[in-house]
Structures are given as C-alpha cells and as structure tokens.
Amino acid sequence: MAQGEIEMNAVLLIGAGSETTATFLSGITYRLLTNPHILTKFTALIRTTFPTSSAITIHSTSTLTYLNACIEEGLRLYPPLPARMPRRTTQAGP
C-alpha cells in the first residue's frame, strides 16, 4: 500500500472503532437517568409488558410506541456514527 492509502485506512478504522453503539447506549442511559419521569414511565412499560427477560424480542418490542420513540430520540441525539449525518430542512419543514 502507498502511504496515502495507509493513512486513509487508518482514519477509517479509527473512526469505525471509536464511536459506535457504545455512544448510543451511554447517551440514552444518561438521558433516562437525568429524566426520572421518563425513566419511570419507560421502566413501568417494560416491566408490565414482559413477564420475563426472555420475552423481550425484536418482534415483541416492535409495537411499543414509547419504547421506539425513546430509541429514535436516542439515535437522533447520540448516533452510532463517527460523524453526524447532515440534516436539511426545506422551507416547507421536515
């Protein structure tokens, strides 16, 4: 590899390994812990919907609007990407 290719690969590998799912999980945990009213609602939803942890699956969670809203907001605030995605709003709005 040429020096330029090595440098570009290094940038890619460092970026890919530095801010991933851990960023999202840390961020959403922080937000839930600093907003007790949301954490209480979130916890109650999970505990009343699922009798055991094994009942929590991708299919069983897909209909939980509040859970999905929390996840979407967490992804918006703490995306698991090395750089934020650009956001554009037209004059008509989002």
PDB file of N, CA and C in Angstrom:
ATOM      1  N   MET A   1       0.838  -1.187   0.000  1.00  0.00           N
ATOM      2  CA  MET A   1       0.000   0.000   0.000  1.00  0.00           C
ATOM      3  C   MET A   1       0.875   1.240   0.000  1.00  0.00           C
ATOM      4  N   ALA A   2       0.382   2.228  -0.651  1.00  0.00           N
ATOM      5  CA  ALA A   2       1.074   3.519  -0.659  1.00  0.00           C
ATOM      6  C   ALA A   2       0.794   4.235   0.662  1.00  0.00           C
ATOM      7  N   GLN A   3       1.618   5.202   1.001  1.00  0.00           N
ATOM      8  CA  GLN A   3       1.465   5.932   2.263  1.00  0.00           C
ATOM      9  C   GLN A   3       0.073   6.577   2.375  1.00  0.00           C
ATOM     10  N   GLY A   4      -0.431   7.152   1.303  1.00  0.00           N
ATOM     11  CA  GLY A   4      -1.754   7.770   1.314  1.00  0.00           C
ATOM     12  C   GLY A   4      -2.855   6.767   1.612  1.00  0.00           C
ATOM     13  N   GLU A   5      -2.736   5.557   1.042  1.00  0.00           N
ATOM     14  CA  GLU A   5      -3.729   4.505   1.293  1.00  0.00           C
ATOM     15  C   GLU A   5      -3.693   4.051   2.751  1.00  0.00           C
ATOM     16  N   ILE A   6      -2.513   3.945   3.310  1.00  0.00           N
ATOM     17  CA  ILE A   6      -2.369   3.568   4.712  1.00  0.00           C
ATOM     18  C   ILE A   6      -3.026   4.622   5.605  1.00  0.00           C
ATOM     19  N   GLU A   7      -2.784   5.881   5.314  1.00  0.00           N
ATOM     20  CA  GLU A   7      -3.362   6.963   6.114  1.00  0.00           C
ATOM     21  C   GLU A   7      -4.873   6.983   6.017  1.00  0.00           C
ATOM     22  N   MET A   8      -5.409   6.784   4.836  1.00  0.00           N
ATOM     23  CA  MET A   8      -6.867   6.786   4.662  1.00  0.00           C
ATOM     24  C   MET A   8      -7.500   5.595   5.382  1.00  0.00           C
ATOM     25  N   ASN A   9      -6.866   4.437   5.305  1.00  0.00           N
ATOM     26  CA  ASN A   9      -7.382   3.264   6.021  1.00  0.00           C
ATOM     27  C   ASN A   9      -7.319   3.468   7.530  1.00  0.00           C
ATOM     28  N   ALA A  10      -6.269   4.114   8.005  1.00  0.00           N
ATOM     29  CA  ALA A  10      -6.141   4.379   9.444  1.00  0.00           C
ATOM     30  C   ALA A  10      -7.273   5.282   9.913  1.00  0.00           C
ATOM     31  N   VAL A  11      -7.577   6.319   9.157  1.00  0.00           N
ATOM     32  CA  VAL A  11      -8.676   7.227   9.500  1.00  0.00           C
ATOM     33  C   VAL A  11      -9.995   6.463   9.543  1.00  0.00           C
ATOM     34  N   LEU A  12     -10.223   5.613   8.577  1.00  0.00           N
ATOM     35  CA  LEU A  12     -11.450   4.818   8.520  1.00  0.00           C
ATOM     36  C   LEU A  12     -11.553   3.871   9.711  1.00  0.00           C
ATOM     37  N   LEU A  13     -10.491   3.161  10.006  1.00  0.00           N
ATOM     38  CA  LEU A  13     -10.517   2.196  11.108  1.00  0.00           C
ATOM     39  C   LEU A  13     -10.664   2.872  12.468  1.00  0.00           C
ATOM     40  N   ILE A  14     -10.003   3.983  12.658  1.00  0.00           N
ATOM     41  CA  ILE A  14     -10.124   4.703  13.932  1.00  0.00           C
ATOM     42  C   ILE A  14     -11.541   5.237  14.099  1.00  0.00           C
ATOM     43  N   GLY A  15     -12.088   5.803  13.049  1.00  0.00           N
ATOM     44  CA  GLY A  15     -13.464   6.315  13.101  1.00  0.00           C
ATOM     45  C   GLY A  15     -14.466   5.214  13.330  1.00  0.00           C
ATOM     46  N   ALA A  16     -14.304   4.096  12.664  1.00  0.00           N
ATOM     47  CA  ALA A  16     -15.254   2.987  12.787  1.00  0.00           C
ATOM     48  C   ALA A  16     -15.220   2.365  14.176  1.00  0.00           C
ATOM     49  N   GLY A  17     -14.084   2.392  14.824  1.00  0.00           N
ATOM     50  CA  GLY A  17     -13.976   1.750  16.126  1.00  0.00           C
ATOM     51  C   GLY A  17     -14.157   2.669  17.310  1.00  0.00           C
ATOM     52  N   SER A  18     -14.283   3.971  17.061  1.00  0.00           N
ATOM     53  CA  SER A  18     -14.300   4.900  18.187  1.00  0.00           C
ATOM     54  C   SER A  18     -15.688   5.296  18.656  1.00  0.00           C
ATOM     55  N   GLU A  19     -16.600   5.493  17.764  1.00  0.00           N
ATOM     56  CA  GLU A  19     -17.935   5.933  18.168  1.00  0.00           C
ATOM     57  C   GLU A  19     -18.972   5.031  17.521  1.00  0.00           C
ATOM     58  N   THR A  20     -19.341   4.016  18.239  1.00  0.00           N
ATOM     59  CA  THR A  20     -20.296   3.058  17.696  1.00  0.00           C
ATOM     60  C   THR A  20     -21.485   2.940  18.633  1.00  0.00           C
ATOM     61  N   THR A  21     -21.976   1.766  18.786  1.00  0.00           N
ATOM     62  CA  THR A  21     -23.160   1.523  19.605  1.00  0.00           C
ATOM     63  C   THR A  21     -22.970   1.980  21.048  1.00  0.00           C
ATOM     64  N   ALA A  22     -21.749   1.938  21.542  1.00  0.00           N
ATOM     65  CA  ALA A  22     -21.488   2.378  22.924  1.00  0.00           C
ATOM     66  C   ALA A  22     -21.889   3.840  23.115  1.00  0.00           C
ATOM     67  N   THR A  23     -21.700   4.669  22.105  1.00  0.00           N
ATOM     68  CA  THR A  23     -22.095   6.068  22.184  1.00  0.00           C
ATOM     69  C   THR A  23     -23.600   6.174  22.391  1.00  0.00           C
ATOM     70  N   PHE A  24     -24.341   5.435  21.601  1.00  0.00           N
ATOM     71  CA  PHE A  24     -25.802   5.442  21.720  1.00  0.00           C
ATOM     72  C   PHE A  24     -26.248   4.936  23.082  1.00  0.00           C
ATOM     73  N   LEU A  25     -25.722   3.791  23.504  1.00  0.00           N
ATOM     74  CA  LEU A  25     -26.133   3.208  24.780  1.00  0.00           C
ATOM     75  C   LEU A  25     -25.776   4.106  25.959  1.00  0.00           C
ATOM     76  N   SER A  26     -24.603   4.693  25.939  1.00  0.00           N
ATOM     77  CA  SER A  26     -24.214   5.616  27.009  1.00  0.00           C
ATOM     78  C   SER A  26     -25.115   6.843  27.008  1.00  0.00           C
ATOM     79  N   GLY A  27     -25.389   7.361  25.828  1.00  0.00           N
ATOM     80  CA  GLY A  27     -26.219   8.551  25.707  1.00  0.00           C
ATOM     81  C   GLY A  27     -27.646   8.336  26.167  1.00  0.00           C
ATOM     82  N   ILE A  28     -28.264   7.251  25.733  1.00  0.00           N
ATOM     83  CA  ILE A  28     -29.658   7.019  26.121  1.00  0.00           C
ATOM     84  C   ILE A  28     -29.756   6.687  27.606  1.00  0.00           C
ATOM     85  N   THR A  29     -28.762   6.001  28.148  1.00  0.00           N
ATOM     86  CA  THR A  29     -28.748   5.727  29.588  1.00  0.00           C
ATOM     87  C   THR A  29     -28.637   7.027  30.367  1.00  0.00           C
ATOM     88  N   TYR A  30     -27.770   7.913  29.924  1.00  0.00           N
ATOM     89  CA  TYR A  30     -27.620   9.221  30.571  1.00  0.00           C
ATOM     90  C   TYR A  30     -28.940   9.988  30.546  1.00  0.00           C
ATOM     91  N   ARG A  31     -29.583  10.034  29.388  1.00  0.00           N
ATOM     92  CA  ARG A  31     -30.847  10.772  29.267  1.00  0.00           C
ATOM     93  C   ARG A  31     -31.938  10.189  30.153  1.00  0.00           C
ATOM     94  N   LEU A  32     -32.023   8.867  30.208  1.00  0.00           N
ATOM     95  CA  LEU A  32     -33.031   8.247  31.067  1.00  0.00           C
ATOM     96  C   LEU A  32     -32.757   8.535  32.538  1.00  0.00           C
ATOM     97  N   LEU A  33     -31.503   8.475  32.952  1.00  0.00           N
ATOM     98  CA  LEU A  33     -31.168   8.703  34.357  1.00  0.00           C
ATOM     99  C   LEU A  33     -31.316  10.167  34.775  1.00  0.00           C
ATOM    100  N   THR A  34     -31.185  11.084  33.846  1.00  0.00           N
ATOM    101  CA  THR A  34     -31.336  12.504  34.181  1.00  0.00           C
ATOM    102  C   THR A  34     -32.767  13.012  33.980  1.00  0.00           C
ATOM    103  N   ASN A  35     -33.652  12.133  33.561  1.00  0.00           N
ATOM    104  CA  ASN A  35     -35.069  12.473  33.408  1.00  0.00           C
ATOM    105  C   ASN A  35     -35.896  11.408  34.116  1.00  0.00           C
ATOM    106  N   PRO A  36     -36.008  11.493  35.444  1.00  0.00           N
ATOM    107  CA  PRO A  36     -36.661  10.432  36.226  1.00  0.00           C
ATOM    108  C   PRO A  36     -38.092  10.122  35.802  1.00  0.00           C
ATOM    109  N   HIS A  37     -38.852  11.128  35.385  1.00  0.00           N
ATOM    110  CA  HIS A  37     -40.237  10.873  34.969  1.00  0.00           C
ATOM    111  C   HIS A  37     -40.289   9.997  33.711  1.00  0.00           C
ATOM    112  N   ILE A  38     -39.346  10.180  32.818  1.00  0.00           N
ATOM    113  CA  ILE A  38     -39.285   9.353  31.609  1.00  0.00           C
ATOM    114  C   ILE A  38     -38.789   7.955  31.963  1.00  0.00           C
ATOM    115  N   LEU A  39     -37.779   7.876  32.818  1.00  0.00           N
ATOM    116  CA  LEU A  39     -37.260   6.572  33.249  1.00  0.00           C
ATOM    117  C   LEU A  39     -38.347   5.761  33.945  1.00  0.00           C
ATOM    118  N   THR A  40     -39.149   6.414  34.775  1.00  0.00           N
ATOM    119  CA  THR A  40     -40.233   5.714  35.478  1.00  0.00           C
ATOM    120  C   THR A  40     -41.243   5.152  34.487  1.00  0.00           C
ATOM    121  N   LYS A  41     -41.641   5.975  33.519  1.00  0.00           N
ATOM    122  CA  LYS A  41     -42.596   5.519  32.502  1.00  0.00           C
ATOM    123  C   LYS A  41     -42.006   4.389  31.660  1.00  0.00           C
ATOM    124  N   PHE A  42     -40.750   4.547  31.280  1.00  0.00           N
ATOM    125  CA  PHE A  42     -40.035   3.561  30.470  1.00  0.00           C
ATOM    126  C   PHE A  42     -39.927   2.225  31.222  1.00  0.00           C
ATOM    127  N   THR A  43     -39.525   2.284  32.487  1.00  0.00           N
ATOM    128  CA  THR A  43     -39.371   1.085  33.316  1.00  0.00           C
ATOM    129  C   THR A  43     -40.705   0.388  33.525  1.00  0.00           C
ATOM    130  N   ALA A  44     -41.734   1.159  33.805  1.00  0.00           N
ATOM    131  CA  ALA A  44     -43.067   0.583  34.007  1.00  0.00           C
ATOM    132  C   ALA A  44     -43.554  -0.114  32.739  1.00  0.00           C
ATOM    133  N   LEU A  45     -43.315   0.485  31.599  1.00  0.00           N
ATOM    134  CA  LEU A  45     -43.718  -0.111  30.327  1.00  0.00           C
ATOM    135  C   LEU A  45     -43.058  -1.474  30.141  1.00  0.00           C
ATOM    136  N   ILE A  46     -41.765  -1.537  30.355  1.00  0.00           N
ATOM    137  CA  ILE A  46     -41.037  -2.796  30.166  1.00  0.00           C
ATOM    138  C   ILE A  46     -41.490  -3.847  31.176  1.00  0.00           C
ATOM    139  N   ARG A  47     -41.603  -3.453  32.428  1.00  0.00           N
ATOM    140  CA  ARG A  47     -41.944  -4.434  33.475  1.00  0.00           C
ATOM    141  C   ARG A  47     -43.377  -4.931  33.398  1.00  0.00           C
ATOM    142  N   THR A  48     -44.288  -4.116  32.893  1.00  0.00           N
ATOM    143  CA  THR A  48     -45.681  -4.572  32.786  1.00  0.00           C
ATOM    144  C   THR A  48     -45.958  -5.304  31.471  1.00  0.00           C
ATOM    145  N   THR A  49     -45.127  -5.060  30.472  1.00  0.00           N
ATOM    146  CA  THR A  49     -45.336  -5.693  29.167  1.00  0.00           C
ATOM    147  C   THR A  49     -44.709  -7.080  29.091  1.00  0.00           C
ATOM    148  N   PHE A  50     -43.553  -7.252  29.712  1.00  0.00           N
ATOM    149  CA  PHE A  50     -42.817  -8.506  29.585  1.00  0.00           C
ATOM    150  C   PHE A  50     -42.701  -9.213  30.929  1.00  0.00           C
ATOM    151  N   PRO A  51     -43.210 -10.447  31.005  1.00  0.00           N
ATOM    152  CA  PRO A  51     -43.136 -11.187  32.269  1.00  0.00           C
ATOM    153  C   PRO A  51     -41.714 -11.648  32.610  1.00  0.00           C
ATOM    154  N   THR A  52     -40.905 -11.901  31.587  1.00  0.00           N
ATOM    155  CA  THR A  52     -39.516 -12.329  31.785  1.00  0.00           C
ATOM    156  C   THR A  52     -38.625 -11.648  30.755  1.00  0.00           C
ATOM    157  N   SER A  53     -37.343 -11.630  31.016  1.00  0.00           N
ATOM    158  CA  SER A  53     -36.420 -11.007  30.058  1.00  0.00           C
ATOM    159  C   SER A  53     -36.362 -11.780  28.742  1.00  0.00           C
ATOM    160  N   SER A  54     -36.632 -13.070  28.790  1.00  0.00           N
ATOM    161  CA  SER A  54     -36.618 -13.863  27.549  1.00  0.00           C
ATOM    162  C   SER A  54     -37.809 -13.530  26.642  1.00  0.00           C
ATOM    163  N   ALA A  55     -38.815 -12.860  27.181  1.00  0.00           N
ATOM    164  CA  ALA A  55     -39.972 -12.456  26.377  1.00  0.00           C
ATOM    165  C   ALA A  55     -39.679 -11.217  25.536  1.00  0.00           C
ATOM    166  N   ILE A  56     -38.565 -10.564  25.814  1.00  0.00           N
ATOM    167  CA  ILE A  56     -38.193  -9.358  25.062  1.00  0.00           C
ATOM    168  C   ILE A  56     -37.488  -9.784  23.785  1.00  0.00           C
ATOM    169  N   THR A  57     -38.177  -9.596  22.668  1.00  0.00           N
ATOM    170  CA  THR A  57     -37.628  -9.951  21.357  1.00  0.00           C
ATOM    171  C   THR A  57     -37.836  -8.788  20.395  1.00  0.00           C
ATOM    172  N   ILE A  58     -37.230  -8.891  19.258  1.00  0.00           N
ATOM    173  CA  ILE A  58     -37.395  -7.846  18.232  1.00  0.00           C
ATOM    174  C   ILE A  58     -38.865  -7.727  17.829  1.00  0.00           C
ATOM    175  N   HIS A  59     -39.568  -8.843  17.789  1.00  0.00           N
ATOM    176  CA  HIS A  59     -40.983  -8.822  17.391  1.00  0.00           C
ATOM    177  C   HIS A  59     -41.875  -8.278  18.503  1.00  0.00           C
ATOM    178  N   SER A  60     -41.599  -8.668  19.743  1.00  0.00           N
ATOM    179  CA  SER A  60     -42.457  -8.226  20.844  1.00  0.00           C
ATOM    180  C   SER A  60     -42.268  -6.752  21.179  1.00  0.00           C
ATOM    181  N   THR A  61     -41.161  -6.168  20.824  1.00  0.00           N
ATOM    182  CA  THR A  61     -40.926  -4.752  21.105  1.00  0.00           C
ATOM    183  C   THR A  61     -41.355  -3.837  19.955  1.00  0.00           C
ATOM    184  N   SER A  62     -41.611  -4.413  18.804  1.00  0.00           N
ATOM    185  CA  SER A  62     -41.896  -3.583  17.623  1.00  0.00           C
ATOM    186  C   SER A  62     -43.187  -2.770  17.739  1.00  0.00           C
ATOM    187  N   THR A  63     -44.108  -3.178  18.590  1.00  0.00           N
ATOM    188  CA  THR A  63     -45.372  -2.453  18.713  1.00  0.00           C
ATOM    189  C   THR A  63     -45.383  -1.460  19.875  1.00  0.00           C
ATOM    190  N   LEU A  64     -44.309  -1.374  20.627  1.00  0.00           N
ATOM    191  CA  LEU A  64     -44.256  -0.474  21.777  1.00  0.00           C
ATOM    192  C   LEU A  64     -43.830   0.931  21.325  1.00  0.00           C
ATOM    193  N   THR A  65     -44.801   1.773  21.119  1.00  0.00           N
ATOM    194  CA  THR A  65     -44.570   3.110  20.578  1.00  0.00           C
ATOM    195  C   THR A  65     -43.627   3.934  21.442  1.00  0.00           C
ATOM    196  N   TYR A  66     -43.828   3.902  22.757  1.00  0.00           N
ATOM    197  CA  TYR A  66     -42.994   4.722  23.657  1.00  0.00           C
ATOM    198  C   TYR A  66     -41.547   4.239  23.661  1.00  0.00           C
ATOM    199  N   LEU A  67     -41.359   2.937  23.700  1.00  0.00           N
ATOM    200  CA  LEU A  67     -40.009   2.366  23.641  1.00  0.00           C
ATOM    201  C   LEU A  67     -39.316   2.780  22.360  1.00  0.00           C
ATOM    202  N   ASN A  68     -40.009   2.643  21.242  1.00  0.00           N
ATOM    203  CA  ASN A  68     -39.417   3.009  19.951  1.00  0.00           C
ATOM    204  C   ASN A  68     -39.145   4.503  19.849  1.00  0.00           C
ATOM    205  N   ALA A  69     -39.998   5.323  20.462  1.00  0.00           N
ATOM    206  CA  ALA A  69     -39.757   6.770  20.470  1.00  0.00           C
ATOM    207  C   ALA A  69     -38.490   7.092  21.261  1.00  0.00           C
ATOM    208  N   CYS A  70     -38.291   6.417  22.391  1.00  0.00           N
ATOM    209  CA  CYS A  70     -37.074   6.625  23.188  1.00  0.00           C
ATOM    210  C   CYS A  70     -35.837   6.220  22.400  1.00  0.00           C
ATOM    211  N   ILE A  71     -35.923   5.096  21.706  1.00  0.00           N
ATOM    212  CA  ILE A  71     -34.796   4.634  20.897  1.00  0.00           C
ATOM    213  C   ILE A  71     -34.511   5.612  19.766  1.00  0.00           C
ATOM    214  N   GLU A  72     -35.549   6.045  19.073  1.00  0.00           N
ATOM    215  CA  GLU A  72     -35.369   7.000  17.964  1.00  0.00           C
ATOM    216  C   GLU A  72     -34.738   8.308  18.444  1.00  0.00           C
ATOM    217  N   GLU A  73     -35.203   8.797  19.592  1.00  0.00           N
ATOM    218  CA  GLU A  73     -34.645  10.038  20.140  1.00  0.00           C
ATOM    219  C   GLU A  73     -33.186   9.826  20.551  1.00  0.00           C
ATOM    220  N   GLY A  74     -32.894   8.669  21.133  1.00  0.00           N
ATOM    221  CA  GLY A  74     -31.512   8.351  21.483  1.00  0.00           C
ATOM    222  C   GLY A  74     -30.620   8.292  20.251  1.00  0.00           C
ATOM    223  N   LEU A  75     -31.115   7.709  19.188  1.00  0.00           N
ATOM    224  CA  LEU A  75     -30.336   7.648  17.939  1.00  0.00           C
ATOM    225  C   LEU A  75     -30.157   9.031  17.324  1.00  0.00           C
ATOM    226  N   ARG A  76     -31.162   9.889  17.492  1.00  0.00           N
ATOM    227  CA  ARG A  76     -31.042  11.250  16.966  1.00  0.00           C
ATOM    228  C   ARG A  76     -29.979  12.031  17.731  1.00  0.00           C
ATOM    229  N   LEU A  77     -30.002  11.905  19.059  1.00  0.00           N
ATOM    230  CA  LEU A  77     -29.065  12.669  19.888  1.00  0.00           C
ATOM    231  C   LEU A  77     -27.670  12.062  19.936  1.00  0.00           C
ATOM    232  N   TYR A  78     -27.597  10.742  19.887  1.00  0.00           N
ATOM    233  CA  TYR A  78     -26.317  10.028  20.014  1.00  0.00           C
ATOM    234  C   TYR A  78     -26.181   8.982  18.907  1.00  0.00           C
ATOM    235  N   PRO A  79     -26.037   9.422  17.659  1.00  0.00           N
ATOM    236  CA  PRO A  79     -25.966   8.452  16.567  1.00  0.00           C
ATOM    237  C   PRO A  79     -24.685   7.619  16.639  1.00  0.00           C
ATOM    238  N   PRO A  80     -24.775   6.320  16.357  1.00  0.00           N
ATOM    239  CA  PRO A  80     -23.589   5.470  16.402  1.00  0.00           C
ATOM    240  C   PRO A  80     -22.747   5.608  15.132  1.00  0.00           C
ATOM    241  N   LEU A  81     -22.368   6.824  14.836  1.00  0.00           N
ATOM    242  CA  LEU A  81     -21.549   7.135  13.661  1.00  0.00           C
ATOM    243  C   LEU A  81     -20.360   7.972  14.100  1.00  0.00           C
ATOM    244  N   PRO A  82     -19.248   7.866  13.380  1.00  0.00           N
ATOM    245  CA  PRO A  82     -18.097   8.688  13.751  1.00  0.00           C
ATOM    246  C   PRO A  82     -18.320  10.180  13.507  1.00  0.00           C
ATOM    247  N   ALA A  83     -19.273  10.525  12.681  1.00  0.00           N
ATOM    248  CA  ALA A  83     -19.595  11.930  12.421  1.00  0.00           C
ATOM    249  C   ALA A  83     -21.105  12.045  12.260  1.00  0.00           C
ATOM    250  N   ARG A  84     -21.645  13.195  12.604  1.00  0.00           N
ATOM    251  CA  ARG A  84     -23.088  13.388  12.472  1.00  0.00           C
ATOM    252  C   ARG A  84     -23.486  13.455  11.000  1.00  0.00           C
ATOM    253  N   MET A  85     -24.671  12.906  10.737  1.00  0.00           N
ATOM    254  CA  MET A  85     -25.215  12.994   9.391  1.00  0.00           C
ATOM    255  C   MET A  85     -25.765  14.394   9.194  1.00  0.00           C
ATOM    256  N   PRO A  86     -25.567  14.960   8.011  1.00  0.00           N
ATOM    257  CA  PRO A  86     -26.105  16.303   7.774  1.00  0.00           C
ATOM    258  C   PRO A  86     -27.633  16.272   7.756  1.00  0.00           C
ATOM    259  N   ARG A  87     -28.226  17.323   8.304  1.00  0.00           N
ATOM    260  CA  ARG A  87     -29.679  17.426   8.322  1.00  0.00           C
ATOM    261  C   ARG A  87     -30.085  18.638   7.508  1.00  0.00           C
ATOM    262  N   ARG A  88     -31.064  18.460   6.685  1.00  0.00           N
ATOM    263  CA  ARG A  88     -31.566  19.557   5.854  1.00  0.00           C
ATOM    264  C   ARG A  88     -33.064  19.678   6.039  1.00  0.00           C
ATOM    265  N   THR A  89     -33.518  20.907   6.139  1.00  0.00           N
ATOM    266  CA  THR A  89     -34.943  21.165   6.256  1.00  0.00           C
ATOM    267  C   THR A  89     -35.324  22.121   5.130  1.00  0.00           C
ATOM    268  N   THR A  90     -36.353  21.741   4.400  1.00  0.00           N
ATOM    269  CA  THR A  90     -36.827  22.616   3.341  1.00  0.00           C
ATOM    270  C   THR A  90     -37.659  23.740   3.940  1.00  0.00           C
ATOM    271  N   GLN A  91     -38.034  24.726   3.134  1.00  0.00           N
ATOM    272  CA  GLN A  91     -38.863  25.815   3.622  1.00  0.00           C
ATOM    273  C   GLN A  91     -40.214  25.302   4.110  1.00  0.00           C
ATOM    274  N   ALA A  92     -40.665  24.166   3.553  1.00  0.00           N
ATOM    275  CA  ALA A  92     -41.943  23.596   3.962  1.00  0.00           C
ATOM    276  C   ALA A  92     -41.846  22.874   5.306  1.00  0.00           C
ATOM    277  N   GLY A  93     -40.647  22.623   5.775  1.00  0.00           N
ATOM    278  CA  GLY A  93     -40.451  21.929   7.046  1.00  0.00           C
ATOM    279  C   GLY A  93     -39.906  20.537   6.828  1.00  0.00           C
ATOM    280  N   PRO A  94     -39.785  19.776   7.912  1.00  0.00           N
ATOM    281  CA  PRO A  94     -39.190  18.433   7.794  1.00  0.00           C
ATOM    282  C   PRO A  94     -40.064  17.456   7.038  1.00  0.00           C
TER     283      PRO A  94
END
